[in-house]
Amino acid sequence: MNTLRALIFYAALIPLTLCFGTLGILLRPLDADRRYRIVTTWTHVSLWLLEVVCGVRCRVQGLENIPTTPSVVLCKHQSAWETMILQRYLPRQTWVMKQELMKIPFLGWGLGATDPVPVDRSAGRAALKQVISEGADRLAAGYW
């Protein structure tokens, strides 16, 4: 049964990703907030598919403790799950990600539409300075 659920999920996820990745390119002329809202719909639909098709449920406690002002959120990255679920519960976000993700057709195009901070992980201190500089700019603009 789990295999069937996974197949159904991926059968829906692949065309969804192709559509939203293409949208990522077409939406480039729009402002960053509008692009973000449209492209991150992919995440909300993907999470809905996980719930309905695969039976994945998530319960979050302590939302009342999350600040109302833009903040830096650090979480241990173990899968795509936390990057998706954070979008459900936190406001407009900017992600720091390895630059290689931006080169993946369709997925990278969608990610690019959200104005991430893509870093070259081999750049060492320069990458850290980039994260601090661009991260400060995003926080000042009201992004998380």
Protein backbone atom coordinates (compact mmCIF):
# COMPACT_ATOMS: atom_id res chain seq x y z
CA MET A 1 0.00 0.00 0.00
CA ASN A 2 2.83 2.42 0.83
CA THR A 3 4.42 1.79 -2.56
CA LEU A 4 1.15 2.59 -4.31
CA ARG A 5 0.76 5.79 -2.28
CA ALA A 6 4.31 6.84 -3.13
CA LEU A 7 3.73 6.18 -6.83
CA ILE A 8 0.54 8.25 -6.81
CA PHE A 9 2.30 11.05 -4.93
CA TYR A 10 5.20 11.18 -7.39
CA ALA A 11 2.85 10.90 -10.38
CA ALA A 12 1.26 14.13 -9.15
CA LEU A 13 4.45 15.81 -7.89
CA ILE A 14 6.43 15.55 -11.13
CA PRO A 15 3.98 17.48 -13.35
CA LEU A 16 3.36 19.91 -10.49
CA THR A 17 7.10 20.62 -10.28
CA LEU A 18 7.37 21.01 -14.05
CA CYS A 19 4.52 23.54 -14.05
CA PHE A 20 5.79 25.61 -11.14
CA GLY A 21 9.39 25.49 -12.37
CA THR A 22 8.25 26.88 -15.69
CA LEU A 23 6.20 29.49 -13.85
CA GLY A 24 9.38 30.48 -12.02
CA ILE A 25 10.86 31.62 -15.32
CA LEU A 26 7.72 33.29 -16.63
CA LEU A 27 7.19 35.22 -13.39
CA ARG A 28 10.65 36.85 -13.37
CA PRO A 29 9.25 40.27 -14.44
CA LEU A 30 6.99 40.36 -11.35
CA ASP A 31 8.10 41.74 -8.00
CA ALA A 32 9.74 39.32 -5.56
CA ASP A 33 6.78 39.10 -3.16
CA ARG A 34 4.32 38.22 -5.88
CA ARG A 35 6.70 35.61 -7.36
CA TYR A 36 7.22 34.12 -3.91
CA ARG A 37 3.49 33.81 -3.22
CA ILE A 38 2.82 32.15 -6.56
CA VAL A 39 5.81 29.80 -6.65
CA THR A 40 5.47 28.66 -3.02
CA THR A 41 1.98 27.43 -3.85
CA TRP A 42 3.95 24.39 -5.05
CA THR A 43 4.91 23.71 -1.44
CA HIS A 44 1.37 24.00 -0.13
CA VAL A 45 0.01 21.69 -2.83
CA SER A 46 2.88 19.23 -2.23
CA LEU A 47 2.16 19.18 1.51
CA TRP A 48 -1.53 18.65 0.79
CA LEU A 49 -0.64 15.71 -1.47
CA LEU A 50 1.55 14.24 1.27
CA GLU A 51 -1.34 14.47 3.71
CA VAL A 52 -4.09 13.18 1.42
CA VAL A 53 -2.21 10.58 -0.60
CA CYS A 54 0.50 9.42 1.79
CA GLY A 55 -1.18 10.08 5.13
CA VAL A 56 1.67 12.26 6.41
CA ARG A 57 0.53 14.42 9.31
CA CYS A 58 2.37 17.13 11.18
CA ARG A 59 1.56 18.64 14.55
CA VAL A 60 3.38 21.79 15.56
CA GLN A 61 3.50 23.01 19.14
CA GLY A 62 4.72 26.36 20.41
CA LEU A 63 3.78 28.58 17.48
CA GLU A 64 2.88 31.25 20.01
CA ASN A 65 6.60 31.50 20.85
CA ILE A 66 7.64 32.48 17.34
CA PRO A 67 8.56 36.18 17.12
CA THR A 68 6.38 38.45 15.02
CA THR A 69 9.37 40.32 13.59
CA PRO A 70 11.67 38.98 10.86
CA SER A 71 14.05 36.46 12.37
CA VAL A 72 16.74 33.98 11.45
CA VAL A 73 15.59 30.38 11.69
CA LEU A 74 18.20 27.65 11.86
CA CYS A 75 17.17 24.04 11.63
CA LYS A 76 19.08 20.86 11.10
CA HIS A 77 18.56 20.03 7.44
CA GLN A 78 17.81 16.34 7.10
CA SER A 79 15.34 16.24 4.22
CA ALA A 80 13.10 18.40 2.08
CA TRP A 81 10.43 18.09 4.77
CA GLU A 82 11.57 20.90 7.05
CA THR A 83 12.11 23.29 4.15
CA MET A 84 8.52 22.69 3.08
CA ILE A 85 6.80 22.66 6.45
CA LEU A 86 8.47 25.91 7.54
CA GLN A 87 6.72 27.64 4.64
CA ARG A 88 3.37 26.63 6.09
CA TYR A 89 4.01 28.24 9.46
CA LEU A 90 6.42 31.14 8.88
CA PRO A 91 6.04 34.34 6.85
CA ARG A 92 7.92 35.20 3.64
CA GLN A 93 11.31 33.51 3.80
CA THR A 94 14.69 33.65 2.15
CA TRP A 95 16.65 30.43 2.06
CA VAL A 96 20.37 29.92 2.06
CA MET A 97 21.07 27.02 -0.26
CA LYS A 98 23.89 25.45 -2.17
CA GLN A 99 24.17 27.04 -5.58
CA GLU A 100 24.04 23.66 -7.32
CA LEU A 101 20.30 23.48 -6.59
CA MET A 102 19.75 26.47 -8.85
CA LYS A 103 21.07 24.44 -11.81
CA ILE A 104 18.43 21.70 -11.56
CA PRO A 105 15.94 22.20 -14.41
CA PHE A 106 12.47 23.25 -13.29
CA LEU A 107 13.21 22.94 -9.55
CA GLY A 108 16.07 25.44 -9.74
CA TRP A 109 13.96 27.79 -11.84
CA GLY A 110 11.23 27.78 -9.21
CA LEU A 111 13.75 28.26 -6.41
CA GLY A 112 15.32 31.16 -8.29
CA ALA A 113 11.97 32.93 -8.39
CA THR A 114 11.97 33.10 -4.57
CA ASP A 115 15.22 35.14 -4.36
CA PRO A 116 17.29 32.71 -2.29
CA VAL A 117 20.90 33.20 -1.22
CA PRO A 118 22.73 30.58 -3.31
CA VAL A 119 26.23 29.97 -1.99
CA ASP A 120 29.29 28.19 -3.26
CA ARG A 121 30.03 25.92 -0.32
CA SER A 122 33.66 25.60 -1.41
CA ALA A 123 34.14 29.39 -1.10
CA GLY A 124 34.71 29.22 2.66
CA ARG A 125 34.86 32.64 4.33
CA ALA A 126 33.59 34.42 1.19
CA ALA A 127 30.42 32.30 1.29
CA LEU A 128 29.91 33.19 4.96
CA LYS A 129 30.32 36.89 4.19
CA GLN A 130 27.79 36.54 1.36
CA VAL A 131 25.26 34.91 3.71
CA ILE A 132 25.73 37.64 6.31
CA SER A 133 25.49 40.47 3.79
CA GLU A 134 22.55 39.18 1.76
CA GLY A 135 20.84 37.83 4.87
CA ALA A 136 21.00 41.25 6.53
CA ASP A 137 19.50 42.81 3.40
CA ARG A 138 16.64 40.31 3.40
CA LEU A 139 15.94 40.82 7.12
CA ALA A 140 15.89 44.59 6.60
CA ALA A 141 13.36 44.05 3.79
CA GLY A 142 11.11 42.15 6.21
CA TYR A 143 11.89 38.60 5.08
CA TRP A 144 12.61 35.77 7.45
